Amino acid sequence: MQALITAFKQKYPSYEKTAFRVENFSEYDTYTQALSSAIIRGDAPDMFVQNNNETSLLNNQVLAIPNDIINPSDFRKQYKAVF
């Protein structure tokens, strides 16, 4: 993952000093449960990926990163191996 993070920081220099912790989940439901639990505990990540089809309460509680900062289509293509 370090190569991916390095490439991401090169493409998006404003994140150069950001510390990334990447976690892997075998199923989206497990990820959603872990994310929800972290939010409830007050330990939510600064950034996370949410399924485009997700219709949970999170939709009204979080802000998307603006397209001019990170374009979702471009991001998805470049980092498809991860997401």
PDB file of N, CA and C in Angstrom:
ATOM      1  N   MET A   1       0.808  -1.200   0.000  1.00  0.00           N
ATOM      2  CA  MET A   1       0.000   0.000   0.000  1.00  0.00           C
ATOM      3  C   MET A   1       0.852   1.265   0.000  1.00  0.00           C
ATOM      4  N   GLN A   2       2.109   1.142   0.439  1.00  0.00           N
ATOM      5  CA  GLN A   2       2.941   2.340   0.522  1.00  0.00           C
ATOM      6  C   GLN A   2       3.131   2.991  -0.857  1.00  0.00           C
ATOM      7  N   ALA A   3       3.293   2.177  -1.894  1.00  0.00           N
ATOM      8  CA  ALA A   3       3.453   2.733  -3.246  1.00  0.00           C
ATOM      9  C   ALA A   3       2.188   3.485  -3.666  1.00  0.00           C
ATOM     10  N   LEU A   4       1.039   2.947  -3.321  1.00  0.00           N
ATOM     11  CA  LEU A   4      -0.227   3.597  -3.640  1.00  0.00           C
ATOM     12  C   LEU A   4      -0.352   4.934  -2.904  1.00  0.00           C
ATOM     13  N   ILE A   5      -0.014   4.941  -1.622  1.00  0.00           N
ATOM     14  CA  ILE A   5      -0.091   6.174  -0.834  1.00  0.00           C
ATOM     15  C   ILE A   5       0.882   7.214  -1.372  1.00  0.00           C
ATOM     16  N   THR A   6       2.086   6.800  -1.724  1.00  0.00           N
ATOM     17  CA  THR A   6       3.077   7.717  -2.284  1.00  0.00           C
ATOM     18  C   THR A   6       2.570   8.319  -3.592  1.00  0.00           C
ATOM     19  N   ALA A   7       2.015   7.493  -4.464  1.00  0.00           N
ATOM     20  CA  ALA A   7       1.478   7.991  -5.743  1.00  0.00           C
ATOM     21  C   ALA A   7       0.306   8.933  -5.500  1.00  0.00           C
ATOM     22  N   PHE A   8      -0.546   8.612  -4.539  1.00  0.00           N
ATOM     23  CA  PHE A   8      -1.679   9.471  -4.210  1.00  0.00           C
ATOM     24  C   PHE A   8      -1.191  10.845  -3.748  1.00  0.00           C
ATOM     25  N   LYS A   9      -0.201  10.870  -2.873  1.00  0.00           N
ATOM     26  CA  LYS A   9       0.323  12.135  -2.361  1.00  0.00           C
ATOM     27  C   LYS A   9       1.009  12.944  -3.456  1.00  0.00           C
ATOM     28  N   GLN A  10       1.615  12.277  -4.419  1.00  0.00           N
ATOM     29  CA  GLN A  10       2.216  13.000  -5.540  1.00  0.00           C
ATOM     30  C   GLN A  10       1.147  13.629  -6.418  1.00  0.00           C
ATOM     31  N   LYS A  11       0.062  12.903  -6.633  1.00  0.00           N
ATOM     32  CA  LYS A  11      -1.018  13.427  -7.470  1.00  0.00           C
ATOM     33  C   LYS A  11      -1.808  14.514  -6.751  1.00  0.00           C
ATOM     34  N   TYR A  12      -1.939  14.376  -5.433  1.00  0.00           N
ATOM     35  CA  TYR A  12      -2.705  15.332  -4.623  1.00  0.00           C
ATOM     36  C   TYR A  12      -1.781  15.901  -3.543  1.00  0.00           C
ATOM     37  N   PRO A  13      -0.924  16.859  -3.900  1.00  0.00           N
ATOM     38  CA  PRO A  13       0.100  17.375  -2.982  1.00  0.00           C
ATOM     39  C   PRO A  13      -0.453  17.962  -1.679  1.00  0.00           C
ATOM     40  N   SER A  14      -1.684  18.382  -1.668  1.00  0.00           N
ATOM     41  CA  SER A  14      -2.227  18.943  -0.426  1.00  0.00           C
ATOM     42  C   SER A  14      -2.335  17.883   0.678  1.00  0.00           C
ATOM     43  N   TYR A  15      -2.224  16.615   0.304  1.00  0.00           N
ATOM     44  CA  TYR A  15      -2.269  15.520   1.281  1.00  0.00           C
ATOM     45  C   TYR A  15      -0.876  15.017   1.642  1.00  0.00           C
ATOM     46  N   GLU A  16       0.154  15.744   1.218  1.00  0.00           N
ATOM     47  CA  GLU A  16       1.535  15.293   1.396  1.00  0.00           C
ATOM     48  C   GLU A  16       1.877  14.971   2.850  1.00  0.00           C
ATOM     49  N   LYS A  17       1.389  15.751   3.785  1.00  0.00           N
ATOM     50  CA  LYS A  17       1.719  15.542   5.194  1.00  0.00           C
ATOM     51  C   LYS A  17       0.657  14.740   5.943  1.00  0.00           C
ATOM     52  N   THR A  18      -0.314  14.225   5.228  1.00  0.00           N
ATOM     53  CA  THR A  18      -1.380  13.437   5.842  1.00  0.00           C
ATOM     54  C   THR A  18      -0.894  12.028   6.139  1.00  0.00           C
ATOM     55  N   ALA A  19      -1.160  11.567   7.338  1.00  0.00           N
ATOM     56  CA  ALA A  19      -0.830  10.185   7.705  1.00  0.00           C
ATOM     57  C   ALA A  19      -2.015   9.304   7.321  1.00  0.00           C
ATOM     58  N   PHE A  20      -1.757   8.254   6.575  1.00  0.00           N
ATOM     59  CA  PHE A  20      -2.809   7.346   6.125  1.00  0.00           C
ATOM     60  C   PHE A  20      -2.694   6.022   6.864  1.00  0.00           C
ATOM     61  N   ARG A  21      -3.827   5.518   7.293  1.00  0.00           N
ATOM     62  CA  ARG A  21      -3.919   4.163   7.844  1.00  0.00           C
ATOM     63  C   ARG A  21      -4.960   3.451   6.987  1.00  0.00           C
ATOM     64  N   VAL A  22      -4.545   2.394   6.333  1.00  0.00           N
ATOM     65  CA  VAL A  22      -5.424   1.670   5.427  1.00  0.00           C
ATOM     66  C   VAL A  22      -5.872   0.386   6.113  1.00  0.00           C
ATOM     67  N   GLU A  23      -7.168   0.152   6.115  1.00  0.00           N
ATOM     68  CA  GLU A  23      -7.714  -1.066   6.692  1.00  0.00           C
ATOM     69  C   GLU A  23      -8.456  -1.829   5.608  1.00  0.00           C
ATOM     70  N   ASN A  24      -8.381  -3.147   5.683  1.00  0.00           N
ATOM     71  CA  ASN A  24      -8.998  -4.015   4.694  1.00  0.00           C
ATOM     72  C   ASN A  24     -10.155  -4.777   5.336  1.00  0.00           C
ATOM     73  N   PHE A  25     -11.262  -4.877   4.623  1.00  0.00           N
ATOM     74  CA  PHE A  25     -12.423  -5.619   5.104  1.00  0.00           C
ATOM     75  C   PHE A  25     -12.834  -6.607   4.023  1.00  0.00           C
ATOM     76  N   SER A  26     -13.224  -7.801   4.435  1.00  0.00           N
ATOM     77  CA  SER A  26     -13.574  -8.838   3.465  1.00  0.00           C
ATOM     78  C   SER A  26     -14.945  -8.611   2.842  1.00  0.00           C
ATOM     79  N   GLU A  27     -15.820  -7.898   3.545  1.00  0.00           N
ATOM     80  CA  GLU A  27     -17.166  -7.640   3.029  1.00  0.00           C
ATOM     81  C   GLU A  27     -17.555  -6.198   3.300  1.00  0.00           C
ATOM     82  N   TYR A  28     -18.354  -5.632   2.421  1.00  0.00           N
ATOM     83  CA  TYR A  28     -18.779  -4.246   2.598  1.00  0.00           C
ATOM     84  C   TYR A  28     -19.617  -4.081   3.865  1.00  0.00           C
ATOM     85  N   ASP A  29     -20.432  -5.071   4.205  1.00  0.00           N
ATOM     86  CA  ASP A  29     -21.250  -4.988   5.421  1.00  0.00           C
ATOM     87  C   ASP A  29     -20.375  -4.899   6.672  1.00  0.00           C
ATOM     88  N   THR A  30     -19.283  -5.641   6.694  1.00  0.00           N
ATOM     89  CA  THR A  30     -18.361  -5.600   7.824  1.00  0.00           C
ATOM     90  C   THR A  30     -17.717  -4.223   7.922  1.00  0.00           C
ATOM     91  N   TYR A  31     -17.331  -3.678   6.773  1.00  0.00           N
ATOM     92  CA  TYR A  31     -16.762  -2.337   6.714  1.00  0.00           C
ATOM     93  C   TYR A  31     -17.759  -1.307   7.236  1.00  0.00           C
ATOM     94  N   THR A  32     -19.003  -1.375   6.777  1.00  0.00           N
ATOM     95  CA  THR A  32     -20.029  -0.424   7.201  1.00  0.00           C
ATOM     96  C   THR A  32     -20.240  -0.497   8.706  1.00  0.00           C
ATOM     97  N   GLN A  33     -20.265  -1.703   9.255  1.00  0.00           N
ATOM     98  CA  GLN A  33     -20.446  -1.875  10.693  1.00  0.00           C
ATOM     99  C   GLN A  33     -19.264  -1.284  11.465  1.00  0.00           C
ATOM    100  N   ALA A  34     -18.050  -1.537  11.005  1.00  0.00           N
ATOM    101  CA  ALA A  34     -16.861  -0.999  11.667  1.00  0.00           C
ATOM    102  C   ALA A  34     -16.837   0.521  11.586  1.00  0.00           C
ATOM    103  N   LEU A  35     -17.193   1.070  10.437  1.00  0.00           N
ATOM    104  CA  LEU A  35     -17.228   2.519  10.265  1.00  0.00           C
ATOM    105  C   LEU A  35     -18.274   3.144  11.178  1.00  0.00           C
ATOM    106  N   SER A  36     -19.468   2.566  11.199  1.00  0.00           N
ATOM    107  CA  SER A  36     -20.538   3.082  12.060  1.00  0.00           C
ATOM    108  C   SER A  36     -20.120   3.043  13.524  1.00  0.00           C
ATOM    109  N   SER A  37     -19.496   1.954  13.942  1.00  0.00           N
ATOM    110  CA  SER A  37     -19.036   1.830  15.328  1.00  0.00           C
ATOM    111  C   SER A  37     -17.996   2.891  15.657  1.00  0.00           C
ATOM    112  N   ALA A  38     -17.068   3.136  14.738  1.00  0.00           N
ATOM    113  CA  ALA A  38     -16.041   4.154  14.955  1.00  0.00           C
ATOM    114  C   ALA A  38     -16.665   5.543  15.088  1.00  0.00           C
ATOM    115  N   ILE A  39     -17.660   5.825  14.266  1.00  0.00           N
ATOM    116  CA  ILE A  39     -18.334   7.124  14.329  1.00  0.00           C
ATOM    117  C   ILE A  39     -19.039   7.280  15.677  1.00  0.00           C
ATOM    118  N   ILE A  40     -19.731   6.237  16.115  1.00  0.00           N
ATOM    119  CA  ILE A  40     -20.447   6.277  17.398  1.00  0.00           C
ATOM    120  C   ILE A  40     -19.473   6.484  18.555  1.00  0.00           C
ATOM    121  N   ARG A  41     -18.304   5.845  18.491  1.00  0.00           N
ATOM    122  CA  ARG A  41     -17.282   5.984  19.544  1.00  0.00           C
ATOM    123  C   ARG A  41     -16.609   7.344  19.522  1.00  0.00           C
ATOM    124  N   GLY A  42     -16.805   8.110  18.460  1.00  0.00           N
ATOM    125  CA  GLY A  42     -16.102   9.382  18.320  1.00  0.00           C
ATOM    126  C   GLY A  42     -14.715   9.212  17.756  1.00  0.00           C
ATOM    127  N   ASP A  43     -14.476   8.096  17.089  1.00  0.00           N
ATOM    128  CA  ASP A  43     -13.161   7.757  16.542  1.00  0.00           C
ATOM    129  C   ASP A  43     -13.236   7.592  15.021  1.00  0.00           C
ATOM    130  N   ALA A  44     -14.063   8.399  14.380  1.00  0.00           N
ATOM    131  CA  ALA A  44     -14.275   8.272  12.932  1.00  0.00           C
ATOM    132  C   ALA A  44     -13.024   8.683  12.157  1.00  0.00           C
ATOM    133  N   PRO A  45     -12.778   8.025  11.030  1.00  0.00           N
ATOM    134  CA  PRO A  45     -11.643   8.431  10.188  1.00  0.00           C
ATOM    135  C   PRO A  45     -11.921   9.781   9.534  1.00  0.00           C
ATOM    136  N   ASP A  46     -10.864  10.469   9.149  1.00  0.00           N
ATOM    137  CA  ASP A  46     -11.019  11.750   8.453  1.00  0.00           C
ATOM    138  C   ASP A  46     -11.578  11.542   7.057  1.00  0.00           C
ATOM    139  N   MET A  47     -11.182  10.447   6.414  1.00  0.00           N
ATOM    140  CA  MET A  47     -11.655  10.136   5.068  1.00  0.00           C
ATOM    141  C   MET A  47     -12.010   8.660   5.014  1.00  0.00           C
ATOM    142  N   PHE A  48     -13.068   8.353   4.293  1.00  0.00           N
ATOM    143  CA  PHE A  48     -13.435   6.965   4.086  1.00  0.00           C
ATOM    144  C   PHE A  48     -14.198   6.854   2.783  1.00  0.00           C
ATOM    145  N   VAL A  49     -14.282   5.645   2.270  1.00  0.00           N
ATOM    146  CA  VAL A  49     -14.979   5.375   1.021  1.00  0.00           C
ATOM    147  C   VAL A  49     -16.369   4.880   1.358  1.00  0.00           C
ATOM    148  N   GLN A  50     -17.351   5.422   0.669  1.00  0.00           N
ATOM    149  CA  GLN A  50     -18.725   4.974   0.838  1.00  0.00           C
ATOM    150  C   GLN A  50     -19.249   4.524  -0.517  1.00  0.00           C
ATOM    151  N   ASN A  51     -19.906   3.398  -0.537  1.00  0.00           N
ATOM    152  CA  ASN A  51     -20.483   2.855  -1.757  1.00  0.00           C
ATOM    153  C   ASN A  51     -21.444   3.871  -2.370  1.00  0.00           C
ATOM    154  N   ASN A  52     -21.379   4.057  -3.675  1.00  0.00           N
ATOM    155  CA  ASN A  52     -22.281   4.999  -4.354  1.00  0.00           C
ATOM    156  C   ASN A  52     -23.743   4.652  -4.150  1.00  0.00           C
ATOM    157  N   ASN A  53     -24.031   3.389  -3.941  1.00  0.00           N
ATOM    158  CA  ASN A  53     -25.412   2.949  -3.779  1.00  0.00           C
ATOM    159  C   ASN A  53     -25.871   2.972  -2.321  1.00  0.00           C
ATOM    160  N   GLU A  54     -24.994   3.393  -1.426  1.00  0.00           N
ATOM    161  CA  GLU A  54     -25.311   3.398  -0.003  1.00  0.00           C
ATOM    162  C   GLU A  54     -26.402   4.435   0.296  1.00  0.00           C
ATOM    163  N   THR A  55     -27.417   4.019   1.007  1.00  0.00           N
ATOM    164  CA  THR A  55     -28.518   4.927   1.350  1.00  0.00           C
ATOM    165  C   THR A  55     -28.713   4.951   2.861  1.00  0.00           C
ATOM    166  N   SER A  56     -27.634   4.997   3.590  1.00  0.00           N
ATOM    167  CA  SER A  56     -27.702   4.983   5.047  1.00  0.00           C
ATOM    168  C   SER A  56     -27.831   6.397   5.592  1.00  0.00           C
ATOM    169  N   LEU A  57     -27.904   6.485   6.891  1.00  0.00           N
ATOM    170  CA  LEU A  57     -27.952   7.778   7.564  1.00  0.00           C
ATOM    171  C   LEU A  57     -26.697   8.599   7.320  1.00  0.00           C
ATOM    172  N   LEU A  58     -25.595   7.927   6.945  1.00  0.00           N
ATOM    173  CA  LEU A  58     -24.356   8.654   6.706  1.00  0.00           C
ATOM    174  C   LEU A  58     -24.509   9.684   5.591  1.00  0.00           C
ATOM    175  N   ASN A  59     -25.397   9.433   4.660  1.00  0.00           N
ATOM    176  CA  ASN A  59     -25.548  10.359   3.531  1.00  0.00           C
ATOM    177  C   ASN A  59     -25.881  11.772   3.976  1.00  0.00           C
ATOM    178  N   ASN A  60     -26.563  11.916   5.088  1.00  0.00           N
ATOM    179  CA  ASN A  60     -26.918  13.237   5.578  1.00  0.00           C
ATOM    180  C   ASN A  60     -25.961  13.745   6.639  1.00  0.00           C
ATOM    181  N   GLN A  61     -24.939  12.969   6.965  1.00  0.00           N
ATOM    182  CA  GLN A  61     -24.046  13.317   8.056  1.00  0.00           C
ATOM    183  C   GLN A  61     -22.609  13.610   7.622  1.00  0.00           C
ATOM    184  N   VAL A  62     -22.270  13.342   6.375  1.00  0.00           N
ATOM    185  CA  VAL A  62     -20.900  13.524   5.913  1.00  0.00           C
ATOM    186  C   VAL A  62     -20.891  14.402   4.666  1.00  0.00           C
ATOM    187  N   LEU A  63     -19.749  14.961   4.385  1.00  0.00           N
ATOM    188  CA  LEU A  63     -19.566  15.767   3.181  1.00  0.00           C
ATOM    189  C   LEU A  63     -18.640  15.039   2.221  1.00  0.00           C
ATOM    190  N   ALA A  64     -18.975  15.071   0.969  1.00  0.00           N
ATOM    191  CA  ALA A  64     -18.107  14.485  -0.056  1.00  0.00           C
ATOM    192  C   ALA A  64     -16.947  15.443  -0.324  1.00  0.00           C
ATOM    193  N   ILE A  65     -15.825  14.872  -0.731  1.00  0.00           N
ATOM    194  CA  ILE A  65     -14.701  15.706  -1.163  1.00  0.00           C
ATOM    195  C   ILE A  65     -15.101  16.301  -2.506  1.00  0.00           C
ATOM    196  N   PRO A  66     -15.007  17.621  -2.675  1.00  0.00           N
ATOM    197  CA  PRO A  66     -15.420  18.248  -3.939  1.00  0.00           C
ATOM    198  C   PRO A  66     -14.670  17.679  -5.145  1.00  0.00           C
ATOM    199  N   ASN A  67     -15.363  17.585  -6.267  1.00  0.00           N
ATOM    200  CA  ASN A  67     -14.782  17.011  -7.493  1.00  0.00           C
ATOM    201  C   ASN A  67     -13.539  17.740  -7.965  1.00  0.00           C
ATOM    202  N   ASP A  68     -13.418  19.032  -7.667  1.00  0.00           N
ATOM    203  CA  ASP A  68     -12.226  19.749  -8.124  1.00  0.00           C
ATOM    204  C   ASP A  68     -11.001  19.415  -7.267  1.00  0.00           C
ATOM    205  N   ILE A  69     -11.205  18.755  -6.131  1.00  0.00           N
ATOM    206  CA  ILE A  69     -10.085  18.317  -5.302  1.00  0.00           C
ATOM    207  C   ILE A  69      -9.721  16.882  -5.656  1.00  0.00           C
ATOM    208  N   ILE A  70     -10.707  15.988  -5.621  1.00  0.00           N
ATOM    209  CA  ILE A  70     -10.503  14.602  -6.049  1.00  0.00           C
ATOM    210  C   ILE A  70     -11.698  14.213  -6.908  1.00  0.00           C
ATOM    211  N   ASN A  71     -11.440  13.983  -8.180  1.00  0.00           N
ATOM    212  CA  ASN A  71     -12.503  13.598  -9.096  1.00  0.00           C
ATOM    213  C   ASN A  71     -12.828  12.121  -8.892  1.00  0.00           C
ATOM    214  N   PRO A  72     -14.068  11.790  -8.520  1.00  0.00           N
ATOM    215  CA  PRO A  72     -14.403  10.387  -8.222  1.00  0.00           C
ATOM    216  C   PRO A  72     -14.138   9.422  -9.372  1.00  0.00           C
ATOM    217  N   SER A  73     -14.432   9.820 -10.603  1.00  0.00           N
ATOM    218  CA  SER A  73     -14.207   8.921 -11.747  1.00  0.00           C
ATOM    219  C   SER A  73     -12.729   8.643 -11.933  1.00  0.00           C
ATOM    220  N   ASP A  74     -11.918   9.692 -11.891  1.00  0.00           N
ATOM    221  CA  ASP A  74     -10.476   9.544 -12.043  1.00  0.00           C
ATOM    222  C   ASP A  74      -9.903   8.719 -10.896  1.00  0.00           C
ATOM    223  N   PHE A  75     -10.357   9.004  -9.689  1.00  0.00           N
ATOM    224  CA  PHE A  75      -9.881   8.301  -8.504  1.00  0.00           C
ATOM    225  C   PHE A  75     -10.192   6.815  -8.608  1.00  0.00           C
ATOM    226  N   ARG A  76     -11.410   6.501  -9.004  1.00  0.00           N
ATOM    227  CA  ARG A  76     -11.833   5.105  -9.127  1.00  0.00           C
ATOM    228  C   ARG A  76     -10.969   4.365 -10.149  1.00  0.00           C
ATOM    229  N   LYS A  77     -10.686   5.018 -11.267  1.00  0.00           N
ATOM    230  CA  LYS A  77      -9.864   4.371 -12.315  1.00  0.00           C
ATOM    231  C   LYS A  77      -8.448   4.136 -11.828  1.00  0.00           C
ATOM    232  N   GLN A  78      -7.857   5.143 -11.191  1.00  0.00           N
ATOM    233  CA  GLN A  78      -6.458   5.029 -10.772  1.00  0.00           C
ATOM    234  C   GLN A  78      -6.254   4.061  -9.620  1.00  0.00           C
ATOM    235  N   TYR A  79      -7.243   3.945  -8.750  1.00  0.00           N
ATOM    236  CA  TYR A  79      -7.082   3.127  -7.560  1.00  0.00           C
ATOM    237  C   TYR A  79      -8.054   1.949  -7.515  1.00  0.00           C
ATOM    238  N   LYS A  80      -8.445   1.480  -8.708  1.00  0.00           N
ATOM    239  CA  LYS A  80      -9.396   0.375  -8.825  1.00  0.00           C
ATOM    240  C   LYS A  80      -8.911  -0.888  -8.105  1.00  0.00           C
ATOM    241  N   ALA A  81      -7.625  -1.110  -8.101  1.00  0.00           N
ATOM    242  CA  ALA A  81      -7.079  -2.310  -7.453  1.00  0.00           C
ATOM    243  C   ALA A  81      -7.374  -2.333  -5.962  1.00  0.00           C
ATOM    244  N   VAL A  82      -7.549  -1.174  -5.370  1.00  0.00           N
ATOM    245  CA  VAL A  82      -7.794  -1.095  -3.934  1.00  0.00           C
ATOM    246  C   VAL A  82      -9.286  -1.022  -3.641  1.00  0.00           C
ATOM    247  N   PHE A  83      -9.992  -0.205  -4.417  1.00  0.00           N
ATOM    248  CA  PHE A  83     -11.401   0.035  -4.123  1.00  0.00           C
ATOM    249  C   PHE A  83     -12.281  -0.721  -5.081  1.00  0.00           C
TER     250      PHE A  83
END
